[in-house]
Amino acid sequence: MMINPVETRPRTWLRLLRPLFTRCAWSSVIHFNSRMDVVPFNRFVLGKRSIVESFSCVNNAVGDVLIGDCSRVGLNNTIIGPVCIGSHVNLAQGVVVSGLNHGFYDSSKRIDEQKVKTSQIVIEDDVWIGANCVITAGVHIGEHSVIGAGSVVTKDIPPHSLAVGSPAKVIKSI
């Protein structure tokens, strides 16, 4: 009833009521041309002086999306919960952070009939994620880390690390 089955996004009436069930600090900014697929049965929190840039998509339909203070979701990013992003985190352009995986274990069912699996992504404080990175479900990125542009992060990254590549590997301690 809340999610359009064809468009797989909240129905228009629910999008109009979004300010009533989301928590955004008065000093935070969500650009008008970003797609906010936010539903009331999961949390969406945007901290003080944080920003969601243009052409980004934020979706909390399968899990909470929590963004700390002074963080930036860059141009054309996709954030699909469950995701917890700390304070002073900078996501550059074209970053995908998705705690959702589609299953394909039962070969007797079509791919769109398979169950989805979620696993929370945690990005701690003071992290910089370069342009066009992909952060996969269940990953934990430690504080004061840098993920190089174009990296695909499939495993946890310890604090104070520089990680690059596909799959991302720690190449230096910061």
N, C-alpha and C. Protein backbone atom coordinates (compact mmCIF):
# COMPACT_ATOMS: atom_id res chain seq x y z
N MET A 1 0.80 -1.19 0.00
CA MET A 1 0.00 0.00 0.00
C MET A 1 0.86 1.28 0.00
N MET A 2 2.03 1.21 0.67
CA MET A 2 2.90 2.38 0.72
C MET A 2 3.87 2.45 -0.45
N ILE A 3 4.27 1.29 -0.96
CA ILE A 3 5.26 1.23 -2.04
C ILE A 3 4.55 0.88 -3.35
N ASN A 4 4.82 1.67 -4.38
CA ASN A 4 4.28 1.38 -5.70
C ASN A 4 4.95 0.11 -6.23
N PRO A 5 4.18 -0.93 -6.57
CA PRO A 5 4.78 -2.20 -6.98
C PRO A 5 5.51 -2.14 -8.31
N VAL A 6 5.17 -1.21 -9.16
CA VAL A 6 5.82 -1.10 -10.46
C VAL A 6 7.07 -0.23 -10.36
N GLU A 7 6.94 0.93 -9.75
CA GLU A 7 8.06 1.86 -9.65
C GLU A 7 8.99 1.54 -8.48
N THR A 8 8.59 0.66 -7.59
CA THR A 8 9.33 0.31 -6.38
C THR A 8 9.88 1.55 -5.65
N ARG A 9 8.99 2.50 -5.43
CA ARG A 9 9.31 3.68 -4.64
C ARG A 9 8.05 4.08 -3.88
N PRO A 10 8.19 4.88 -2.83
CA PRO A 10 7.00 5.28 -2.07
C PRO A 10 5.98 5.98 -2.96
N ARG A 11 4.72 5.74 -2.66
CA ARG A 11 3.64 6.37 -3.42
C ARG A 11 3.67 7.88 -3.19
N THR A 12 3.04 8.62 -4.07
CA THR A 12 3.07 10.08 -4.05
C THR A 12 2.58 10.64 -2.72
N TRP A 13 1.49 10.12 -2.18
CA TRP A 13 0.96 10.64 -0.92
C TRP A 13 1.96 10.48 0.21
N LEU A 14 2.74 9.41 0.19
CA LEU A 14 3.73 9.18 1.23
C LEU A 14 4.92 10.13 1.07
N ARG A 15 5.30 10.41 -0.18
CA ARG A 15 6.39 11.36 -0.41
C ARG A 15 6.01 12.76 0.06
N LEU A 16 4.74 13.11 -0.06
CA LEU A 16 4.29 14.42 0.41
C LEU A 16 4.34 14.53 1.93
N LEU A 17 4.17 13.41 2.63
CA LEU A 17 4.19 13.40 4.09
C LEU A 17 5.59 13.19 4.68
N ARG A 18 6.60 13.06 3.84
CA ARG A 18 7.97 12.77 4.29
C ARG A 18 8.47 13.68 5.40
N PRO A 19 8.23 15.00 5.36
CA PRO A 19 8.74 15.85 6.44
C PRO A 19 8.20 15.49 7.83
N LEU A 20 7.09 14.78 7.89
CA LEU A 20 6.50 14.42 9.18
C LEU A 20 7.20 13.25 9.87
N PHE A 21 7.88 12.39 9.10
CA PHE A 21 8.48 11.21 9.73
C PHE A 21 10.00 11.08 9.51
N THR A 22 10.64 12.09 8.95
CA THR A 22 12.10 12.07 8.82
C THR A 22 12.70 13.05 9.82
N ARG A 23 13.93 12.77 10.22
CA ARG A 23 14.63 13.66 11.13
C ARG A 23 15.80 14.29 10.40
N CYS A 24 15.66 15.56 10.08
CA CYS A 24 16.72 16.32 9.42
C CYS A 24 16.99 17.56 10.27
N ALA A 25 18.27 17.78 10.58
CA ALA A 25 18.63 18.97 11.33
C ALA A 25 18.29 20.21 10.50
N TRP A 26 17.95 21.31 11.17
CA TRP A 26 17.56 22.53 10.47
C TRP A 26 18.69 23.05 9.58
N SER A 27 19.94 22.75 9.91
CA SER A 27 21.07 23.25 9.13
C SER A 27 21.50 22.29 8.02
N SER A 28 20.81 21.15 7.88
CA SER A 28 21.16 20.20 6.82
C SER A 28 20.43 20.57 5.53
N VAL A 29 20.92 20.03 4.41
CA VAL A 29 20.36 20.38 3.10
C VAL A 29 20.14 19.10 2.30
N ILE A 30 18.95 18.98 1.74
CA ILE A 30 18.65 17.92 0.76
C ILE A 30 18.26 18.65 -0.52
N HIS A 31 19.07 18.54 -1.56
CA HIS A 31 18.77 19.22 -2.81
C HIS A 31 17.45 18.73 -3.38
N PHE A 32 16.69 19.64 -3.96
CA PHE A 32 15.33 19.33 -4.41
C PHE A 32 15.29 18.27 -5.50
N ASN A 33 16.36 18.11 -6.27
CA ASN A 33 16.33 17.13 -7.35
C ASN A 33 17.03 15.82 -6.97
N SER A 34 17.14 15.55 -5.68
CA SER A 34 17.59 14.24 -5.24
C SER A 34 16.35 13.37 -4.99
N ARG A 35 16.49 12.09 -5.17
CA ARG A 35 15.35 11.17 -5.01
C ARG A 35 15.40 10.59 -3.60
N MET A 36 14.41 10.93 -2.80
CA MET A 36 14.34 10.47 -1.41
C MET A 36 13.24 9.42 -1.30
N ASP A 37 13.61 8.15 -1.42
CA ASP A 37 12.67 7.05 -1.28
C ASP A 37 12.64 6.63 0.19
N VAL A 38 12.01 7.48 1.00
CA VAL A 38 12.02 7.32 2.45
C VAL A 38 10.61 6.93 2.91
N VAL A 39 10.56 5.86 3.73
CA VAL A 39 9.29 5.35 4.24
C VAL A 39 9.26 5.48 5.77
N PRO A 40 8.06 5.52 6.38
CA PRO A 40 7.99 5.76 7.81
C PRO A 40 8.33 4.56 8.70
N PHE A 41 8.36 3.35 8.16
CA PHE A 41 8.60 2.19 9.01
C PHE A 41 10.09 1.90 9.25
N ASN A 42 10.98 2.64 8.62
CA ASN A 42 12.42 2.62 8.92
C ASN A 42 12.89 4.04 9.13
N ARG A 43 13.99 4.19 9.86
CA ARG A 43 14.46 5.54 10.20
C ARG A 43 15.31 6.15 9.09
N PHE A 44 15.16 7.46 8.93
CA PHE A 44 16.06 8.28 8.13
C PHE A 44 16.44 9.47 8.98
N VAL A 45 17.75 9.63 9.23
CA VAL A 45 18.25 10.74 10.04
C VAL A 45 19.38 11.41 9.28
N LEU A 46 19.31 12.74 9.16
CA LEU A 46 20.37 13.53 8.54
C LEU A 46 20.84 14.54 9.57
N GLY A 47 22.12 14.43 9.95
CA GLY A 47 22.67 15.25 11.02
C GLY A 47 22.89 16.71 10.64
N LYS A 48 23.35 17.48 11.64
CA LYS A 48 23.59 18.91 11.47
C LYS A 48 24.63 19.18 10.39
N ARG A 49 24.35 20.21 9.57
CA ARG A 49 25.25 20.68 8.52
C ARG A 49 25.68 19.58 7.55
N SER A 50 24.82 18.59 7.35
CA SER A 50 25.07 17.54 6.36
C SER A 50 24.28 17.86 5.10
N ILE A 51 24.69 17.25 3.99
CA ILE A 51 24.08 17.59 2.71
C ILE A 51 23.90 16.34 1.86
N VAL A 52 22.77 16.28 1.16
CA VAL A 52 22.53 15.27 0.13
C VAL A 52 22.48 16.04 -1.19
N GLU A 53 23.49 15.84 -2.02
CA GLU A 53 23.65 16.59 -3.27
C GLU A 53 22.63 16.17 -4.33
N SER A 54 22.62 16.92 -5.41
CA SER A 54 21.70 16.70 -6.53
C SER A 54 21.89 15.33 -7.16
N PHE A 55 20.78 14.78 -7.67
CA PHE A 55 20.72 13.54 -8.41
C PHE A 55 21.12 12.32 -7.59
N SER A 56 21.14 12.44 -6.27
CA SER A 56 21.39 11.29 -5.40
C SER A 56 20.09 10.60 -5.09
N CYS A 57 20.18 9.32 -4.73
CA CYS A 57 19.02 8.54 -4.34
C CYS A 57 19.28 7.95 -2.96
N VAL A 58 18.38 8.21 -2.03
CA VAL A 58 18.47 7.64 -0.68
C VAL A 58 17.22 6.79 -0.46
N ASN A 59 17.43 5.53 -0.06
CA ASN A 59 16.32 4.58 0.08
C ASN A 59 16.45 3.85 1.40
N ASN A 60 15.44 4.01 2.27
CA ASN A 60 15.44 3.31 3.56
C ASN A 60 14.36 2.23 3.62
N ALA A 61 13.87 1.77 2.50
CA ALA A 61 12.77 0.79 2.49
C ALA A 61 13.18 -0.54 3.08
N VAL A 62 14.44 -0.93 3.01
CA VAL A 62 14.87 -2.23 3.55
C VAL A 62 15.72 -2.09 4.81
N GLY A 63 16.00 -0.86 5.26
CA GLY A 63 16.78 -0.66 6.47
C GLY A 63 17.03 0.81 6.74
N ASP A 64 17.35 1.12 8.00
CA ASP A 64 17.59 2.50 8.41
C ASP A 64 18.74 3.13 7.65
N VAL A 65 18.62 4.43 7.39
CA VAL A 65 19.71 5.22 6.82
C VAL A 65 19.99 6.34 7.82
N LEU A 66 21.16 6.29 8.44
CA LEU A 66 21.54 7.25 9.46
C LEU A 66 22.81 7.96 8.99
N ILE A 67 22.76 9.28 8.88
CA ILE A 67 23.90 10.07 8.41
C ILE A 67 24.23 11.08 9.50
N GLY A 68 25.48 11.11 9.93
CA GLY A 68 25.91 11.97 11.03
C GLY A 68 26.05 13.44 10.65
N ASP A 69 26.67 14.20 11.53
CA ASP A 69 26.87 15.64 11.35
C ASP A 69 27.99 15.93 10.35
N CYS A 70 27.84 17.02 9.63
CA CYS A 70 28.88 17.54 8.72
C CYS A 70 29.33 16.52 7.68
N SER A 71 28.41 15.70 7.21
CA SER A 71 28.74 14.70 6.19
C SER A 71 28.14 15.11 4.86
N ARG A 72 28.73 14.62 3.77
CA ARG A 72 28.31 15.00 2.42
C ARG A 72 28.07 13.75 1.59
N VAL A 73 26.86 13.65 1.07
CA VAL A 73 26.50 12.62 0.08
C VAL A 73 26.61 13.33 -1.26
N GLY A 74 27.62 12.98 -2.04
CA GLY A 74 27.96 13.72 -3.25
C GLY A 74 26.97 13.55 -4.39
N LEU A 75 27.28 14.22 -5.50
CA LEU A 75 26.45 14.17 -6.70
C LEU A 75 26.27 12.73 -7.19
N ASN A 76 25.03 12.38 -7.53
CA ASN A 76 24.73 11.11 -8.18
C ASN A 76 25.12 9.89 -7.34
N ASN A 77 24.96 9.97 -6.02
CA ASN A 77 25.23 8.84 -5.13
C ASN A 77 23.95 8.03 -4.96
N THR A 78 24.12 6.76 -4.60
CA THR A 78 23.01 5.89 -4.25
C THR A 78 23.28 5.31 -2.87
N ILE A 79 22.35 5.55 -1.94
CA ILE A 79 22.46 5.04 -0.57
C ILE A 79 21.23 4.18 -0.31
N ILE A 80 21.43 2.87 -0.10
CA ILE A 80 20.33 1.96 0.18
C ILE A 80 20.62 1.30 1.53
N GLY A 81 19.71 1.45 2.48
CA GLY A 81 19.89 0.94 3.84
C GLY A 81 19.93 -0.57 3.89
N PRO A 82 20.31 -1.11 5.03
CA PRO A 82 20.69 -0.42 6.25
C PRO A 82 22.12 0.12 6.19
N VAL A 83 22.24 1.42 6.46
CA VAL A 83 23.53 2.12 6.39
C VAL A 83 23.64 3.08 7.56
N CYS A 84 24.81 3.10 8.19
CA CYS A 84 25.10 4.07 9.24
C CYS A 84 26.37 4.80 8.85
N ILE A 85 26.23 6.08 8.52
CA ILE A 85 27.36 6.91 8.09
C ILE A 85 27.67 7.88 9.22
N GLY A 86 28.92 7.95 9.63
CA GLY A 86 29.31 8.79 10.76
C GLY A 86 29.37 10.26 10.41
N SER A 87 30.02 11.02 11.28
CA SER A 87 30.18 12.46 11.10
C SER A 87 31.45 12.76 10.31
N HIS A 88 31.44 13.87 9.59
CA HIS A 88 32.58 14.34 8.80
C HIS A 88 33.01 13.31 7.75
N VAL A 89 32.01 12.67 7.13
CA VAL A 89 32.26 11.69 6.07
C VAL A 89 31.99 12.38 4.74
N ASN A 90 32.87 12.17 3.77
CA ASN A 90 32.72 12.78 2.46
C ASN A 90 32.62 11.67 1.41
N LEU A 91 31.44 11.54 0.79
CA LEU A 91 31.26 10.61 -0.32
C LEU A 91 31.34 11.42 -1.60
N ALA A 92 32.33 11.14 -2.44
CA ALA A 92 32.50 11.88 -3.69
C ALA A 92 31.39 11.51 -4.67
N GLN A 93 31.56 11.81 -5.95
CA GLN A 93 30.52 11.61 -6.96
C GLN A 93 30.40 10.14 -7.35
N GLY A 94 29.15 9.72 -7.64
CA GLY A 94 28.91 8.40 -8.20
C GLY A 94 29.14 7.23 -7.27
N VAL A 95 29.10 7.43 -5.98
CA VAL A 95 29.35 6.37 -5.01
C VAL A 95 28.06 5.58 -4.77
N VAL A 96 28.19 4.25 -4.68
CA VAL A 96 27.05 3.38 -4.36
C VAL A 96 27.35 2.72 -3.01
N VAL A 97 26.44 2.92 -2.05
CA VAL A 97 26.53 2.29 -0.74
C VAL A 97 25.24 1.52 -0.56
N SER A 98 25.30 0.19 -0.69
CA SER A 98 24.07 -0.60 -0.67
C SER A 98 24.18 -1.77 0.30
N GLY A 99 23.30 -1.74 1.31
CA GLY A 99 23.22 -2.84 2.26
C GLY A 99 22.28 -3.95 1.79
N LEU A 100 21.88 -3.91 0.54
CA LEU A 100 20.91 -4.84 -0.03
C LEU A 100 21.57 -5.74 -1.07
N ASN A 101 21.26 -7.01 -1.00
CA ASN A 101 21.67 -7.97 -2.03
C ASN A 101 20.46 -8.76 -2.48
N HIS A 102 20.33 -8.96 -3.77
CA HIS A 102 19.27 -9.81 -4.30
C HIS A 102 19.76 -11.24 -4.31
N GLY A 103 18.91 -12.15 -3.86
CA GLY A 103 19.28 -13.57 -3.86
C GLY A 103 19.03 -14.20 -5.22
N PHE A 104 19.72 -15.27 -5.48
CA PHE A 104 19.50 -16.04 -6.72
C PHE A 104 19.85 -17.50 -6.45
N TYR A 105 19.40 -18.02 -5.29
CA TYR A 105 19.80 -19.34 -4.85
C TYR A 105 18.89 -20.45 -5.35
N ASP A 106 17.63 -20.14 -5.61
CA ASP A 106 16.66 -21.14 -6.04
C ASP A 106 16.47 -21.04 -7.56
N SER A 107 17.02 -22.00 -8.29
CA SER A 107 16.97 -21.93 -9.75
C SER A 107 15.58 -22.22 -10.31
N SER A 108 14.66 -22.68 -9.45
CA SER A 108 13.30 -22.93 -9.93
C SER A 108 12.45 -21.66 -9.93
N LYS A 109 12.97 -20.56 -9.35
CA LYS A 109 12.24 -19.29 -9.30
C LYS A 109 12.91 -18.26 -10.20
N ARG A 110 12.07 -17.33 -10.71
CA ARG A 110 12.63 -16.21 -11.47
C ARG A 110 13.44 -15.32 -10.54
N ILE A 111 14.33 -14.54 -11.10
CA ILE A 111 15.20 -13.67 -10.31
C ILE A 111 14.41 -12.64 -9.51
N ASP A 112 13.30 -12.15 -10.06
CA ASP A 112 12.52 -11.15 -9.33
C ASP A 112 11.64 -11.76 -8.24
N GLU A 113 11.58 -13.10 -8.16
CA GLU A 113 10.84 -13.77 -7.09
C GLU A 113 11.74 -14.19 -5.93
N GLN A 114 13.03 -14.03 -6.09
CA GLN A 114 13.98 -14.44 -5.06
C GLN A 114 13.94 -13.46 -3.88
N LYS A 115 14.29 -13.95 -2.71
CA LYS A 115 14.31 -13.10 -1.52
C LYS A 115 15.52 -12.17 -1.55
N VAL A 116 15.35 -11.01 -0.90
CA VAL A 116 16.48 -10.09 -0.76
C VAL A 116 17.12 -10.31 0.61
N LYS A 117 18.40 -9.98 0.70
CA LYS A 117 19.15 -10.15 1.93
C LYS A 117 19.80 -8.81 2.25
N THR A 118 19.71 -8.38 3.51
CA THR A 118 20.32 -7.11 3.89
C THR A 118 21.36 -7.35 4.97
N SER A 119 22.36 -6.49 4.98
CA SER A 119 23.41 -6.52 5.99
C SER A 119 23.93 -5.10 6.15
N GLN A 120 23.98 -4.62 7.39
CA GLN A 120 24.29 -3.22 7.64
C GLN A 120 25.72 -2.85 7.25
N ILE A 121 25.82 -1.67 6.63
CA ILE A 121 27.10 -1.05 6.32
C ILE A 121 27.35 0.02 7.37
N VAL A 122 28.57 0.05 7.91
CA VAL A 122 28.96 1.08 8.87
C VAL A 122 30.17 1.82 8.32
N ILE A 123 30.02 3.14 8.18
CA ILE A 123 31.14 3.99 7.79
C ILE A 123 31.37 4.93 8.97
N GLU A 124 32.50 4.76 9.64
CA GLU A 124 32.77 5.53 10.85
C GLU A 124 33.12 6.98 10.52
N ASP A 125 33.41 7.78 11.55
CA ASP A 125 33.69 9.21 11.41
C ASP A 125 34.96 9.47 10.59
N ASP A 126 34.97 10.64 9.94
CA ASP A 126 36.16 11.16 9.26
C ASP A 126 36.69 10.22 8.17
N VAL A 127 35.80 9.81 7.28
CA VAL A 127 36.16 8.92 6.18
C VAL A 127 35.91 9.64 4.87
N TRP A 128 36.81 9.43 3.90
CA TRP A 128 36.65 9.99 2.57
C TRP A 128 36.57 8.82 1.58
N ILE A 129 35.49 8.77 0.81
CA ILE A 129 35.31 7.73 -0.19
C ILE A 129 35.35 8.40 -1.55
N GLY A 130 36.31 7.98 -2.38
CA GLY A 130 36.53 8.59 -3.68
C GLY A 130 35.43 8.31 -4.68
N ALA A 131 35.50 9.01 -5.80
CA ALA A 131 34.48 8.94 -6.85
C ALA A 131 34.31 7.52 -7.39
N ASN A 132 33.06 7.18 -7.69
CA ASN A 132 32.70 5.93 -8.36
C ASN A 132 33.07 4.67 -7.59
N CYS A 133 33.07 4.74 -6.26
CA CYS A 133 33.31 3.56 -5.43
C CYS A 133 32.00 2.80 -5.21
N VAL A 134 32.14 1.52 -4.90
CA VAL A 134 31.00 0.68 -4.52
C VAL A 134 31.32 0.08 -3.16
N ILE A 135 30.41 0.28 -2.21
CA ILE A 135 30.55 -0.30 -0.87
C ILE A 135 29.47 -1.35 -0.74
N THR A 136 29.85 -2.62 -0.56
CA THR A 136 28.89 -3.72 -0.57
C THR A 136 28.35 -4.01 0.83
N ALA A 137 27.29 -4.78 0.90
CA ALA A 137 26.59 -5.09 2.14
C ALA A 137 27.50 -5.71 3.19
N GLY A 138 27.31 -5.29 4.44
CA GLY A 138 28.02 -5.87 5.56
C GLY A 138 29.40 -5.31 5.84
N VAL A 139 29.84 -4.33 5.07
CA VAL A 139 31.19 -3.77 5.21
C VAL A 139 31.24 -2.76 6.35
N HIS A 140 32.36 -2.75 7.06
CA HIS A 140 32.62 -1.79 8.13
C HIS A 140 33.91 -1.05 7.76
N ILE A 141 33.82 0.28 7.61
CA ILE A 141 34.99 1.09 7.27
C ILE A 141 35.36 1.89 8.51
N GLY A 142 36.58 1.71 8.98
CA GLY A 142 37.04 2.34 10.21
C GLY A 142 37.30 3.83 10.06
N GLU A 143 37.36 4.53 11.20
CA GLU A 143 37.52 5.98 11.21
C GLU A 143 38.82 6.43 10.56
N HIS A 144 38.79 7.65 10.05
CA HIS A 144 39.94 8.33 9.43
C HIS A 144 40.57 7.47 8.32
N SER A 145 39.72 6.88 7.48
CA SER A 145 40.19 6.07 6.36
C SER A 145 39.87 6.75 5.04
N VAL A 146 40.60 6.36 4.00
CA VAL A 146 40.38 6.88 2.66
C VAL A 146 40.22 5.69 1.72
N ILE A 147 39.17 5.73 0.90
CA ILE A 147 38.95 4.71 -0.11
C ILE A 147 39.19 5.37 -1.47
N GLY A 148 40.14 4.86 -2.23
CA GLY A 148 40.52 5.45 -3.50
C GLY A 148 39.43 5.35 -4.55
N ALA A 149 39.43 6.27 -5.48
CA ALA A 149 38.42 6.35 -6.53
C ALA A 149 38.31 5.05 -7.30
N GLY A 150 37.09 4.65 -7.60
CA GLY A 150 36.83 3.46 -8.40
C GLY A 150 36.98 2.14 -7.67
N SER A 151 37.16 2.17 -6.36
CA SER A 151 37.35 0.94 -5.59
C SER A 151 36.04 0.24 -5.33
N VAL A 152 36.12 -1.08 -5.16
CA VAL A 152 34.97 -1.89 -4.79
C VAL A 152 35.31 -2.52 -3.44
N VAL A 153 34.62 -2.07 -2.39
CA VAL A 153 34.93 -2.51 -1.03
C VAL A 153 34.02 -3.68 -0.68
N THR A 154 34.61 -4.87 -0.52
CA THR A 154 33.86 -6.09 -0.22
C THR A 154 34.16 -6.63 1.17
N LYS A 155 35.21 -6.11 1.80
CA LYS A 155 35.60 -6.57 3.14
C LYS A 155 35.86 -5.36 4.03
N ASP A 156 35.87 -5.59 5.33
CA ASP A 156 36.08 -4.51 6.29
C ASP A 156 37.43 -3.82 6.08
N ILE A 157 37.44 -2.51 6.33
CA ILE A 157 38.66 -1.70 6.23
C ILE A 157 38.97 -1.20 7.64
N PRO A 158 40.17 -1.47 8.16
CA PRO A 158 40.49 -1.04 9.52
C PRO A 158 40.65 0.48 9.61
N PRO A 159 40.59 1.04 10.82
CA PRO A 159 40.77 2.48 10.99
C PRO A 159 42.13 2.95 10.48
N HIS A 160 42.21 4.21 10.06
CA HIS A 160 43.45 4.87 9.63
C HIS A 160 44.11 4.12 8.47
N SER A 161 43.32 3.79 7.46
CA SER A 161 43.84 3.03 6.32
C SER A 161 43.54 3.73 5.00
N LEU A 162 44.40 3.47 4.02
CA LEU A 162 44.17 3.87 2.64
C LEU A 162 43.94 2.58 1.86
N ALA A 163 42.76 2.44 1.26
CA ALA A 163 42.42 1.23 0.53
C ALA A 163 42.06 1.59 -0.91
N VAL A 164 42.55 0.79 -1.86
CA VAL A 164 42.28 1.02 -3.28
C VAL A 164 42.10 -0.31 -4.00
N GLY A 165 41.46 -0.27 -5.16
CA GLY A 165 41.38 -1.41 -6.04
C GLY A 165 40.04 -2.10 -6.04
N SER A 166 39.98 -3.16 -6.86
CA SER A 166 38.77 -3.95 -6.99
C SER A 166 39.15 -5.43 -6.94
N PRO A 167 38.95 -6.09 -5.83
CA PRO A 167 38.41 -5.61 -4.56
C PRO A 167 39.43 -4.74 -3.83
N ALA A 168 38.92 -3.83 -3.00
CA ALA A 168 39.78 -2.89 -2.30
C ALA A 168 40.71 -3.60 -1.32
N LYS A 169 41.97 -3.18 -1.33
CA LYS A 169 42.97 -3.72 -0.42
C LYS A 169 43.66 -2.55 0.27
N VAL A 170 43.99 -2.74 1.54
CA VAL A 170 44.70 -1.71 2.29
C VAL A 170 46.14 -1.67 1.79
N ILE A 171 46.58 -0.48 1.33
CA ILE A 171 47.95 -0.36 0.82
C ILE A 171 48.82 0.49 1.72
N LYS A 172 48.19 1.21 2.68
CA LYS A 172 48.96 2.10 3.52
C LYS A 172 48.18 2.39 4.79
N SER A 173 48.92 2.57 5.87
CA SER A 173 48.31 3.02 7.12
C SER A 173 48.51 4.53 7.22
N ILE A 174 47.45 5.23 7.57
CA ILE A 174 47.51 6.70 7.63
C ILE A 174 47.77 7.14 9.06
